Amino acid sequence: MSGLSADALESTVQLAAAGDEAAFARIVAAYRDEMVRVAYVACGDRDLAQDAAQAALWVAWRKLPMLRDPERLRPWLLKVALNESRKLARHRRRHAVVDLTEPIEQRPVSDPTTGIGTLDLARALAGLSGDDRALVALRYVADLDSTQIGGLLGKSASGVRSRLARVLERLRKDLDDD
């Protein structure tokens, strides 16, 4: 897991909140890759995830002085990245342009040499709602527990666990159907 040491975290956040660009650059170096991973799982597009992380860092730079507890920096940054990825994905869906002259790429459902089916996790994740992809990203990419996720999403920890169990069952079923 990336991040800043507990000793450096508080002073770095305080300096960055006061406008110290070098301190903010340390925050970016520590958390940007993880923000991109969470955004990618939430939106399913590498370029969009990069854009979302960049937009999230801009939001973080502006709103960092409002962060009361430096220990909450990582979950806060991940939530901002998640929100930005969802916002960009919504915008892209509303303004999507489809090029009908390009052939649609077909992916093999199974390997003809072995007869073994391939799991298409990306397709299965794309079939989930944005909220469900966000939940999976926070749990399995950001490695947050149900209490932390509940705090970020305004839900109870048991509610998060129940919803996550339903999402995982849906993914299992979707992957088994292939």
N, C-alpha and C. Protein backbone atom coordinates (compact mmCIF):
# COMPACT_ATOMS: atom_id res chain seq x y z
N MET A 1 0.85 -1.17 0.00
CA MET A 1 0.00 0.00 0.00
C MET A 1 0.89 1.24 0.00
N SER A 2 0.58 2.18 -0.83
CA SER A 2 1.38 3.40 -0.91
C SER A 2 0.91 4.38 0.15
N GLY A 3 1.64 5.45 0.30
CA GLY A 3 1.23 6.47 1.24
C GLY A 3 2.41 7.09 1.94
N LEU A 4 2.09 7.99 2.82
CA LEU A 4 3.10 8.68 3.62
C LEU A 4 3.15 8.04 4.99
N SER A 5 4.32 8.06 5.62
CA SER A 5 4.42 7.52 6.98
C SER A 5 3.59 8.38 7.92
N ALA A 6 3.18 7.78 9.02
CA ALA A 6 2.35 8.50 9.98
C ALA A 6 3.04 9.76 10.48
N ASP A 7 4.37 9.70 10.63
CA ASP A 7 5.11 10.86 11.12
C ASP A 7 5.08 12.01 10.11
N ALA A 8 5.23 11.68 8.84
CA ALA A 8 5.29 12.71 7.79
C ALA A 8 3.92 13.19 7.36
N LEU A 9 2.89 12.38 7.59
CA LEU A 9 1.56 12.68 7.08
C LEU A 9 1.02 14.02 7.58
N GLU A 10 0.99 14.21 8.87
CA GLU A 10 0.39 15.42 9.42
C GLU A 10 1.12 16.68 8.97
N SER A 11 2.45 16.68 9.04
CA SER A 11 3.18 17.88 8.65
C SER A 11 3.06 18.14 7.15
N THR A 12 3.06 17.08 6.35
CA THR A 12 2.93 17.24 4.90
C THR A 12 1.57 17.81 4.54
N VAL A 13 0.52 17.29 5.16
CA VAL A 13 -0.83 17.79 4.89
C VAL A 13 -0.96 19.24 5.33
N GLN A 14 -0.42 19.58 6.49
CA GLN A 14 -0.49 20.97 6.96
C GLN A 14 0.25 21.91 6.02
N LEU A 15 1.44 21.51 5.58
CA LEU A 15 2.20 22.35 4.66
C LEU A 15 1.48 22.51 3.33
N ALA A 16 0.96 21.41 2.80
CA ALA A 16 0.25 21.46 1.51
C ALA A 16 -1.02 22.30 1.63
N ALA A 17 -1.72 22.18 2.75
CA ALA A 17 -2.94 22.97 2.96
C ALA A 17 -2.61 24.45 3.03
N ALA A 18 -1.41 24.77 3.47
CA ALA A 18 -0.99 26.17 3.54
C ALA A 18 -0.45 26.68 2.20
N GLY A 19 -0.43 25.80 1.19
CA GLY A 19 0.00 26.24 -0.15
C GLY A 19 1.39 25.79 -0.57
N ASP A 20 2.02 24.94 0.20
CA ASP A 20 3.36 24.46 -0.13
C ASP A 20 3.26 23.44 -1.27
N GLU A 21 3.72 23.82 -2.45
CA GLU A 21 3.62 22.96 -3.63
C GLU A 21 4.48 21.70 -3.51
N ALA A 22 5.63 21.80 -2.88
CA ALA A 22 6.49 20.63 -2.71
C ALA A 22 5.82 19.60 -1.82
N ALA A 23 5.15 20.05 -0.77
CA ALA A 23 4.43 19.13 0.11
C ALA A 23 3.28 18.46 -0.65
N PHE A 24 2.58 19.24 -1.46
CA PHE A 24 1.49 18.65 -2.24
C PHE A 24 2.04 17.66 -3.26
N ALA A 25 3.21 17.94 -3.82
CA ALA A 25 3.84 17.01 -4.77
C ALA A 25 4.15 15.68 -4.08
N ARG A 26 4.52 15.72 -2.80
CA ARG A 26 4.75 14.47 -2.05
C ARG A 26 3.44 13.69 -1.89
N ILE A 27 2.35 14.40 -1.66
CA ILE A 27 1.04 13.75 -1.55
C ILE A 27 0.68 13.11 -2.89
N VAL A 28 0.89 13.85 -3.97
CA VAL A 28 0.59 13.34 -5.31
C VAL A 28 1.41 12.08 -5.57
N ALA A 29 2.70 12.13 -5.26
CA ALA A 29 3.58 10.97 -5.50
C ALA A 29 3.13 9.76 -4.68
N ALA A 30 2.63 10.00 -3.50
CA ALA A 30 2.24 8.91 -2.61
C ALA A 30 0.91 8.27 -2.98
N TYR A 31 -0.02 9.04 -3.53
CA TYR A 31 -1.39 8.53 -3.69
C TYR A 31 -1.94 8.52 -5.11
N ARG A 32 -1.27 9.12 -6.06
CA ARG A 32 -1.84 9.24 -7.41
C ARG A 32 -2.10 7.89 -8.07
N ASP A 33 -1.16 6.98 -8.01
CA ASP A 33 -1.36 5.67 -8.65
C ASP A 33 -2.57 4.94 -8.09
N GLU A 34 -2.72 5.01 -6.79
CA GLU A 34 -3.86 4.35 -6.16
C GLU A 34 -5.17 5.03 -6.56
N MET A 35 -5.15 6.33 -6.69
CA MET A 35 -6.34 7.05 -7.14
C MET A 35 -6.72 6.63 -8.56
N VAL A 36 -5.73 6.45 -9.42
CA VAL A 36 -5.99 6.02 -10.80
C VAL A 36 -6.58 4.62 -10.80
N ARG A 37 -6.05 3.71 -9.97
CA ARG A 37 -6.57 2.34 -9.93
C ARG A 37 -8.03 2.31 -9.49
N VAL A 38 -8.36 3.07 -8.45
CA VAL A 38 -9.75 3.12 -7.98
C VAL A 38 -10.65 3.71 -9.06
N ALA A 39 -10.21 4.77 -9.70
CA ALA A 39 -11.01 5.40 -10.76
C ALA A 39 -11.19 4.43 -11.93
N TYR A 40 -10.16 3.67 -12.24
CA TYR A 40 -10.25 2.72 -13.36
C TYR A 40 -11.29 1.64 -13.10
N VAL A 41 -11.28 1.08 -11.90
CA VAL A 41 -12.27 0.05 -11.59
C VAL A 41 -13.67 0.65 -11.63
N ALA A 42 -13.80 1.89 -11.19
CA ALA A 42 -15.12 2.53 -11.17
C ALA A 42 -15.64 2.86 -12.56
N CYS A 43 -14.75 3.24 -13.49
CA CYS A 43 -15.24 3.68 -14.81
C CYS A 43 -14.87 2.74 -15.94
N GLY A 44 -13.86 1.88 -15.77
CA GLY A 44 -13.50 0.90 -16.78
C GLY A 44 -12.72 1.42 -17.96
N ASP A 45 -12.17 2.62 -17.86
CA ASP A 45 -11.45 3.21 -18.99
C ASP A 45 -10.16 3.83 -18.46
N ARG A 46 -9.02 3.40 -19.00
CA ARG A 46 -7.73 3.88 -18.50
C ARG A 46 -7.55 5.39 -18.67
N ASP A 47 -7.88 5.89 -19.84
CA ASP A 47 -7.72 7.33 -20.08
C ASP A 47 -8.64 8.14 -19.18
N LEU A 48 -9.86 7.69 -19.04
CA LEU A 48 -10.81 8.38 -18.19
C LEU A 48 -10.35 8.34 -16.73
N ALA A 49 -9.77 7.22 -16.32
CA ALA A 49 -9.25 7.10 -14.95
C ALA A 49 -8.11 8.08 -14.71
N GLN A 50 -7.22 8.22 -15.69
CA GLN A 50 -6.12 9.19 -15.57
C GLN A 50 -6.68 10.61 -15.45
N ASP A 51 -7.67 10.92 -16.30
CA ASP A 51 -8.30 12.25 -16.25
C ASP A 51 -8.98 12.49 -14.91
N ALA A 52 -9.65 11.45 -14.41
CA ALA A 52 -10.36 11.57 -13.14
C ALA A 52 -9.38 11.81 -11.99
N ALA A 53 -8.26 11.10 -12.00
CA ALA A 53 -7.26 11.31 -10.94
C ALA A 53 -6.69 12.72 -11.01
N GLN A 54 -6.45 13.20 -12.23
CA GLN A 54 -5.93 14.56 -12.38
C GLN A 54 -6.94 15.59 -11.87
N ALA A 55 -8.21 15.40 -12.23
CA ALA A 55 -9.26 16.31 -11.75
C ALA A 55 -9.39 16.22 -10.23
N ALA A 56 -9.26 15.02 -9.69
CA ALA A 56 -9.36 14.83 -8.24
C ALA A 56 -8.22 15.54 -7.52
N LEU A 57 -7.04 15.51 -8.12
CA LEU A 57 -5.91 16.20 -7.48
C LEU A 57 -6.11 17.72 -7.49
N TRP A 58 -6.73 18.21 -8.54
CA TRP A 58 -7.03 19.65 -8.59
C TRP A 58 -8.03 20.00 -7.48
N VAL A 59 -9.05 19.17 -7.32
CA VAL A 59 -10.04 19.37 -6.25
C VAL A 59 -9.33 19.30 -4.89
N ALA A 60 -8.45 18.31 -4.74
CA ALA A 60 -7.74 18.15 -3.47
C ALA A 60 -6.87 19.37 -3.16
N TRP A 61 -6.21 19.91 -4.16
CA TRP A 61 -5.37 21.10 -3.95
C TRP A 61 -6.20 22.26 -3.42
N ARG A 62 -7.40 22.43 -4.00
CA ARG A 62 -8.27 23.53 -3.59
C ARG A 62 -8.89 23.29 -2.22
N LYS A 63 -9.26 22.04 -1.93
CA LYS A 63 -10.05 21.77 -0.72
C LYS A 63 -9.25 21.17 0.43
N LEU A 64 -7.97 20.98 0.24
CA LEU A 64 -7.14 20.38 1.29
C LEU A 64 -7.20 21.16 2.62
N PRO A 65 -7.29 22.50 2.60
CA PRO A 65 -7.38 23.20 3.88
C PRO A 65 -8.63 22.83 4.70
N MET A 66 -9.65 22.26 4.05
CA MET A 66 -10.87 21.88 4.76
C MET A 66 -10.77 20.50 5.41
N LEU A 67 -9.72 19.74 5.09
CA LEU A 67 -9.55 18.41 5.66
C LEU A 67 -9.14 18.57 7.12
N ARG A 68 -9.99 18.10 8.02
CA ARG A 68 -9.74 18.30 9.45
C ARG A 68 -8.76 17.29 10.04
N ASP A 69 -8.83 16.05 9.55
CA ASP A 69 -8.01 14.99 10.12
C ASP A 69 -7.05 14.47 9.05
N PRO A 70 -5.76 14.77 9.18
CA PRO A 70 -4.79 14.31 8.18
C PRO A 70 -4.78 12.79 8.00
N GLU A 71 -5.17 12.03 9.02
CA GLU A 71 -5.20 10.57 8.90
C GLU A 71 -6.28 10.11 7.92
N ARG A 72 -7.23 10.97 7.59
CA ARG A 72 -8.30 10.64 6.65
C ARG A 72 -7.94 11.06 5.23
N LEU A 73 -6.69 11.48 5.01
CA LEU A 73 -6.27 11.94 3.69
C LEU A 73 -6.47 10.87 2.62
N ARG A 74 -5.97 9.68 2.84
CA ARG A 74 -6.06 8.62 1.83
C ARG A 74 -7.50 8.30 1.45
N PRO A 75 -8.40 7.98 2.41
CA PRO A 75 -9.78 7.70 2.01
C PRO A 75 -10.45 8.90 1.34
N TRP A 76 -10.12 10.10 1.80
CA TRP A 76 -10.70 11.30 1.20
C TRP A 76 -10.25 11.44 -0.25
N LEU A 77 -8.97 11.27 -0.51
CA LEU A 77 -8.46 11.37 -1.88
C LEU A 77 -9.09 10.31 -2.78
N LEU A 78 -9.24 9.10 -2.26
CA LEU A 78 -9.84 8.01 -3.04
C LEU A 78 -11.30 8.30 -3.36
N LYS A 79 -12.00 8.88 -2.40
CA LYS A 79 -13.41 9.23 -2.64
C LYS A 79 -13.51 10.34 -3.68
N VAL A 80 -12.64 11.32 -3.61
CA VAL A 80 -12.65 12.40 -4.60
C VAL A 80 -12.36 11.82 -5.99
N ALA A 81 -11.39 10.92 -6.09
CA ALA A 81 -11.07 10.29 -7.38
C ALA A 81 -12.26 9.48 -7.89
N LEU A 82 -12.91 8.78 -6.99
CA LEU A 82 -14.08 8.00 -7.35
C LEU A 82 -15.20 8.90 -7.87
N ASN A 83 -15.46 9.98 -7.16
CA ASN A 83 -16.49 10.92 -7.59
C ASN A 83 -16.17 11.54 -8.94
N GLU A 84 -14.92 11.90 -9.15
CA GLU A 84 -14.53 12.49 -10.42
C GLU A 84 -14.66 11.49 -11.56
N SER A 85 -14.31 10.22 -11.30
CA SER A 85 -14.42 9.21 -12.36
C SER A 85 -15.88 9.00 -12.73
N ARG A 86 -16.75 8.99 -11.75
CA ARG A 86 -18.18 8.82 -12.02
C ARG A 86 -18.74 10.02 -12.78
N LYS A 87 -18.28 11.19 -12.41
CA LYS A 87 -18.74 12.40 -13.10
C LYS A 87 -18.28 12.40 -14.55
N LEU A 88 -17.03 12.07 -14.79
CA LEU A 88 -16.51 12.03 -16.16
C LEU A 88 -17.18 10.92 -16.98
N ALA A 89 -17.45 9.78 -16.36
CA ALA A 89 -18.11 8.68 -17.06
C ALA A 89 -19.54 9.08 -17.45
N ARG A 90 -20.24 9.76 -16.56
CA ARG A 90 -21.60 10.24 -16.88
C ARG A 90 -21.55 11.21 -18.05
N HIS A 91 -20.58 12.11 -18.01
CA HIS A 91 -20.44 13.10 -19.08
C HIS A 91 -20.14 12.39 -20.40
N ARG A 92 -19.27 11.41 -20.37
CA ARG A 92 -18.91 10.69 -21.59
C ARG A 92 -20.13 9.94 -22.15
N ARG A 93 -20.93 9.31 -21.27
CA ARG A 93 -22.12 8.59 -21.75
C ARG A 93 -23.12 9.54 -22.41
N ARG A 94 -23.25 10.73 -21.85
CA ARG A 94 -24.20 11.69 -22.41
C ARG A 94 -23.73 12.25 -23.73
N HIS A 95 -22.43 12.28 -23.94
CA HIS A 95 -21.86 12.90 -25.14
C HIS A 95 -21.11 11.88 -26.00
N ALA A 96 -21.52 10.63 -25.92
CA ALA A 96 -20.82 9.57 -26.65
C ALA A 96 -21.07 9.69 -28.15
N VAL A 97 -20.02 9.45 -28.91
CA VAL A 97 -20.11 9.40 -30.36
C VAL A 97 -19.66 8.01 -30.77
N VAL A 98 -20.47 7.35 -31.56
CA VAL A 98 -20.15 6.00 -32.00
C VAL A 98 -19.77 6.05 -33.47
N ASP A 99 -18.60 5.51 -33.78
CA ASP A 99 -18.14 5.44 -35.17
C ASP A 99 -18.62 4.13 -35.75
N LEU A 100 -19.63 4.19 -36.60
CA LEU A 100 -20.22 2.98 -37.14
C LEU A 100 -19.42 2.39 -38.30
N THR A 101 -18.37 3.09 -38.73
CA THR A 101 -17.55 2.56 -39.82
C THR A 101 -16.51 1.58 -39.32
N GLU A 102 -16.21 1.60 -38.02
CA GLU A 102 -15.23 0.69 -37.45
C GLU A 102 -15.88 -0.64 -37.13
N PRO A 103 -15.22 -1.76 -37.42
CA PRO A 103 -15.79 -3.07 -37.08
C PRO A 103 -15.78 -3.27 -35.56
N ILE A 104 -16.76 -3.98 -35.08
CA ILE A 104 -16.83 -4.29 -33.65
C ILE A 104 -15.89 -5.44 -33.38
N GLU A 105 -15.04 -5.25 -32.39
CA GLU A 105 -14.04 -6.26 -32.06
C GLU A 105 -14.70 -7.40 -31.29
N GLN A 106 -14.46 -8.60 -31.72
CA GLN A 106 -15.01 -9.78 -31.05
C GLN A 106 -13.93 -10.41 -30.18
N ARG A 107 -14.27 -10.67 -28.94
CA ARG A 107 -13.34 -11.37 -28.05
C ARG A 107 -13.75 -12.83 -27.96
N PRO A 108 -12.79 -13.74 -27.99
CA PRO A 108 -13.16 -15.15 -27.88
C PRO A 108 -13.72 -15.44 -26.50
N VAL A 109 -14.77 -16.25 -26.45
CA VAL A 109 -15.36 -16.64 -25.19
C VAL A 109 -14.57 -17.80 -24.58
N SER A 110 -13.93 -18.58 -25.44
CA SER A 110 -13.13 -19.68 -24.91
C SER A 110 -11.88 -19.86 -25.77
N ASP A 111 -10.93 -20.55 -25.22
CA ASP A 111 -9.69 -20.84 -25.93
C ASP A 111 -9.91 -22.12 -26.72
N PRO A 112 -9.90 -22.05 -28.06
CA PRO A 112 -10.20 -23.24 -28.85
C PRO A 112 -9.19 -24.37 -28.67
N THR A 113 -7.97 -24.05 -28.25
CA THR A 113 -6.96 -25.10 -28.10
C THR A 113 -7.18 -25.92 -26.84
N THR A 114 -7.74 -25.29 -25.79
CA THR A 114 -7.95 -26.02 -24.54
C THR A 114 -9.41 -26.26 -24.23
N GLY A 115 -10.29 -25.47 -24.86
CA GLY A 115 -11.71 -25.60 -24.56
C GLY A 115 -12.11 -24.94 -23.26
N ILE A 116 -11.18 -24.23 -22.66
CA ILE A 116 -11.45 -23.58 -21.38
C ILE A 116 -11.96 -22.17 -21.65
N GLY A 117 -13.07 -21.81 -21.01
CA GLY A 117 -13.63 -20.47 -21.17
C GLY A 117 -12.77 -19.43 -20.48
N THR A 118 -12.82 -18.23 -20.97
CA THR A 118 -12.07 -17.14 -20.35
C THR A 118 -13.04 -16.28 -19.55
N LEU A 119 -12.57 -15.80 -18.44
CA LEU A 119 -13.37 -14.90 -17.62
C LEU A 119 -13.17 -13.48 -18.12
N ASP A 120 -14.24 -12.81 -18.35
CA ASP A 120 -14.15 -11.43 -18.80
C ASP A 120 -14.61 -10.51 -17.67
N LEU A 121 -13.70 -10.32 -16.73
CA LEU A 121 -14.02 -9.52 -15.55
C LEU A 121 -14.34 -8.08 -15.93
N ALA A 122 -13.64 -7.55 -16.91
CA ALA A 122 -13.90 -6.17 -17.33
C ALA A 122 -15.34 -6.03 -17.82
N ARG A 123 -15.81 -7.00 -18.61
CA ARG A 123 -17.18 -6.94 -19.10
C ARG A 123 -18.17 -7.10 -17.94
N ALA A 124 -17.86 -8.00 -17.02
CA ALA A 124 -18.75 -8.21 -15.87
C ALA A 124 -18.83 -6.95 -15.01
N LEU A 125 -17.68 -6.31 -14.78
CA LEU A 125 -17.69 -5.06 -14.01
C LEU A 125 -18.45 -3.96 -14.74
N ALA A 126 -18.30 -3.91 -16.07
CA ALA A 126 -19.00 -2.89 -16.85
C ALA A 126 -20.50 -3.07 -16.77
N GLY A 127 -20.96 -4.30 -16.49
CA GLY A 127 -22.38 -4.56 -16.36
C GLY A 127 -22.97 -4.10 -15.04
N LEU A 128 -22.12 -3.73 -14.10
CA LEU A 128 -22.59 -3.23 -12.80
C LEU A 128 -22.92 -1.75 -12.89
N SER A 129 -23.73 -1.30 -11.98
CA SER A 129 -24.02 0.13 -11.90
C SER A 129 -22.77 0.87 -11.43
N GLY A 130 -22.72 2.15 -11.64
CA GLY A 130 -21.58 2.95 -11.19
C GLY A 130 -21.37 2.86 -9.69
N ASP A 131 -22.47 2.85 -8.93
CA ASP A 131 -22.36 2.75 -7.48
C ASP A 131 -21.76 1.41 -7.06
N ASP A 132 -22.16 0.34 -7.76
CA ASP A 132 -21.62 -0.98 -7.42
C ASP A 132 -20.16 -1.10 -7.80
N ARG A 133 -19.75 -0.54 -8.95
CA ARG A 133 -18.33 -0.55 -9.33
C ARG A 133 -17.52 0.26 -8.33
N ALA A 134 -18.09 1.37 -7.86
CA ALA A 134 -17.39 2.19 -6.86
C ALA A 134 -17.17 1.39 -5.58
N LEU A 135 -18.18 0.64 -5.17
CA LEU A 135 -18.07 -0.17 -3.97
C LEU A 135 -16.96 -1.22 -4.12
N VAL A 136 -16.93 -1.90 -5.27
CA VAL A 136 -15.89 -2.90 -5.52
C VAL A 136 -14.50 -2.23 -5.52
N ALA A 137 -14.41 -1.06 -6.14
CA ALA A 137 -13.13 -0.35 -6.19
C ALA A 137 -12.64 0.03 -4.80
N LEU A 138 -13.53 0.55 -3.98
CA LEU A 138 -13.11 0.96 -2.64
C LEU A 138 -12.70 -0.25 -1.78
N ARG A 139 -13.39 -1.37 -1.96
CA ARG A 139 -13.07 -2.54 -1.14
C ARG A 139 -11.84 -3.28 -1.62
N TYR A 140 -11.76 -3.56 -2.93
CA TYR A 140 -10.73 -4.46 -3.42
C TYR A 140 -9.54 -3.77 -4.07
N VAL A 141 -9.70 -2.54 -4.50
CA VAL A 141 -8.56 -1.82 -5.07
C VAL A 141 -7.93 -0.94 -4.00
N ALA A 142 -8.78 -0.18 -3.30
CA ALA A 142 -8.26 0.71 -2.25
C ALA A 142 -8.05 -0.03 -0.94
N ASP A 143 -8.59 -1.25 -0.82
CA ASP A 143 -8.44 -2.08 0.37
C ASP A 143 -8.99 -1.41 1.63
N LEU A 144 -10.11 -0.70 1.47
CA LEU A 144 -10.77 -0.10 2.63
C LEU A 144 -11.71 -1.14 3.22
N ASP A 145 -11.89 -1.11 4.54
CA ASP A 145 -12.83 -2.05 5.16
C ASP A 145 -14.23 -1.46 5.13
N SER A 146 -15.22 -2.25 5.53
CA SER A 146 -16.61 -1.83 5.42
C SER A 146 -16.91 -0.60 6.28
N THR A 147 -16.24 -0.46 7.41
CA THR A 147 -16.45 0.72 8.25
C THR A 147 -15.95 1.98 7.55
N GLN A 148 -14.77 1.90 6.94
CA GLN A 148 -14.22 3.05 6.22
C GLN A 148 -15.09 3.39 5.00
N ILE A 149 -15.52 2.38 4.26
CA ILE A 149 -16.36 2.62 3.09
C ILE A 149 -17.69 3.24 3.53
N GLY A 150 -18.25 2.69 4.61
CA GLY A 150 -19.51 3.24 5.12
C GLY A 150 -19.37 4.70 5.49
N GLY A 151 -18.25 5.06 6.11
CA GLY A 151 -18.02 6.47 6.45
C GLY A 151 -17.94 7.36 5.23
N LEU A 152 -17.31 6.86 4.16
CA LEU A 152 -17.18 7.64 2.93
C LEU A 152 -18.51 7.79 2.21
N LEU A 153 -19.31 6.73 2.23
CA LEU A 153 -20.55 6.72 1.45
C LEU A 153 -21.79 7.07 2.27
N GLY A 154 -21.60 7.30 3.57
CA GLY A 154 -22.74 7.63 4.42
C GLY A 154 -23.66 6.44 4.66
N LYS A 155 -23.09 5.25 4.75
CA LYS A 155 -23.84 4.02 4.98
C LYS A 155 -23.28 3.32 6.21
N SER A 156 -24.06 2.38 6.74
CA SER A 156 -23.57 1.60 7.87
C SER A 156 -22.60 0.53 7.36
N ALA A 157 -21.72 0.08 8.22
CA ALA A 157 -20.77 -0.97 7.84
C ALA A 157 -21.50 -2.25 7.45
N SER A 158 -22.55 -2.60 8.18
CA SER A 158 -23.30 -3.81 7.84
C SER A 158 -24.03 -3.64 6.51
N GLY A 159 -24.51 -2.44 6.23
CA GLY A 159 -25.15 -2.18 4.95
C GLY A 159 -24.16 -2.32 3.80
N VAL A 160 -22.94 -1.86 4.01
CA VAL A 160 -21.89 -1.98 3.00
C VAL A 160 -21.57 -3.46 2.76
N ARG A 161 -21.44 -4.24 3.84
CA ARG A 161 -21.14 -5.67 3.69
C ARG A 161 -22.26 -6.39 2.95
N SER A 162 -23.50 -6.07 3.27
CA SER A 162 -24.64 -6.72 2.60
C SER A 162 -24.67 -6.38 1.11
N ARG A 163 -24.49 -5.11 0.82
CA ARG A 163 -24.52 -4.69 -0.59
C ARG A 163 -23.36 -5.30 -1.36
N LEU A 164 -22.18 -5.32 -0.73
CA LEU A 164 -21.02 -5.91 -1.38
C LEU A 164 -21.24 -7.40 -1.64
N ALA A 165 -21.87 -8.10 -0.70
CA ALA A 165 -22.16 -9.52 -0.90
C ALA A 165 -23.10 -9.71 -2.10
N ARG A 166 -24.11 -8.86 -2.25
CA ARG A 166 -25.02 -8.95 -3.39
C ARG A 166 -24.30 -8.66 -4.70
N VAL A 167 -23.41 -7.66 -4.69
CA VAL A 167 -22.65 -7.32 -5.89
C VAL A 167 -21.74 -8.47 -6.29
N LEU A 168 -21.05 -9.06 -5.33
CA LEU A 168 -20.15 -10.17 -5.63
C LEU A 168 -20.93 -11.39 -6.15
N GLU A 169 -22.10 -11.64 -5.59
CA GLU A 169 -22.92 -12.74 -6.08
C GLU A 169 -23.35 -12.49 -7.53
N ARG A 170 -23.70 -11.24 -7.83
CA ARG A 170 -24.06 -10.88 -9.21
C ARG A 170 -22.88 -11.08 -10.15
N LEU A 171 -21.68 -10.69 -9.71
CA LEU A 171 -20.48 -10.90 -10.53
C LEU A 171 -20.21 -12.38 -10.75
N ARG A 172 -20.31 -13.18 -9.67
CA ARG A 172 -20.10 -14.62 -9.81
C ARG A 172 -21.07 -15.22 -10.81
N LYS A 173 -22.32 -14.84 -10.69
CA LYS A 173 -23.34 -15.37 -11.59
C LYS A 173 -23.06 -14.94 -13.03
N ASP A 174 -22.69 -13.69 -13.22
CA ASP A 174 -22.40 -13.20 -14.57
C ASP A 174 -21.19 -13.92 -15.17
N LEU A 175 -20.17 -14.14 -14.37
CA LEU A 175 -18.98 -14.82 -14.85
C LEU A 175 -19.23 -16.31 -15.10
N ASP A 176 -20.10 -16.92 -14.32
CA ASP A 176 -20.44 -18.33 -14.54
C ASP A 176 -21.32 -18.54 -15.75
N ASP A 177 -22.10 -17.53 -16.13
CA ASP A 177 -22.99 -17.65 -17.29
C ASP A 177 -22.24 -17.78 -18.60
N ASP A 178 -20.99 -17.30 -18.62
CA ASP A 178 -20.21 -17.36 -19.88
C ASP A 178 -19.73 -18.75 -20.04
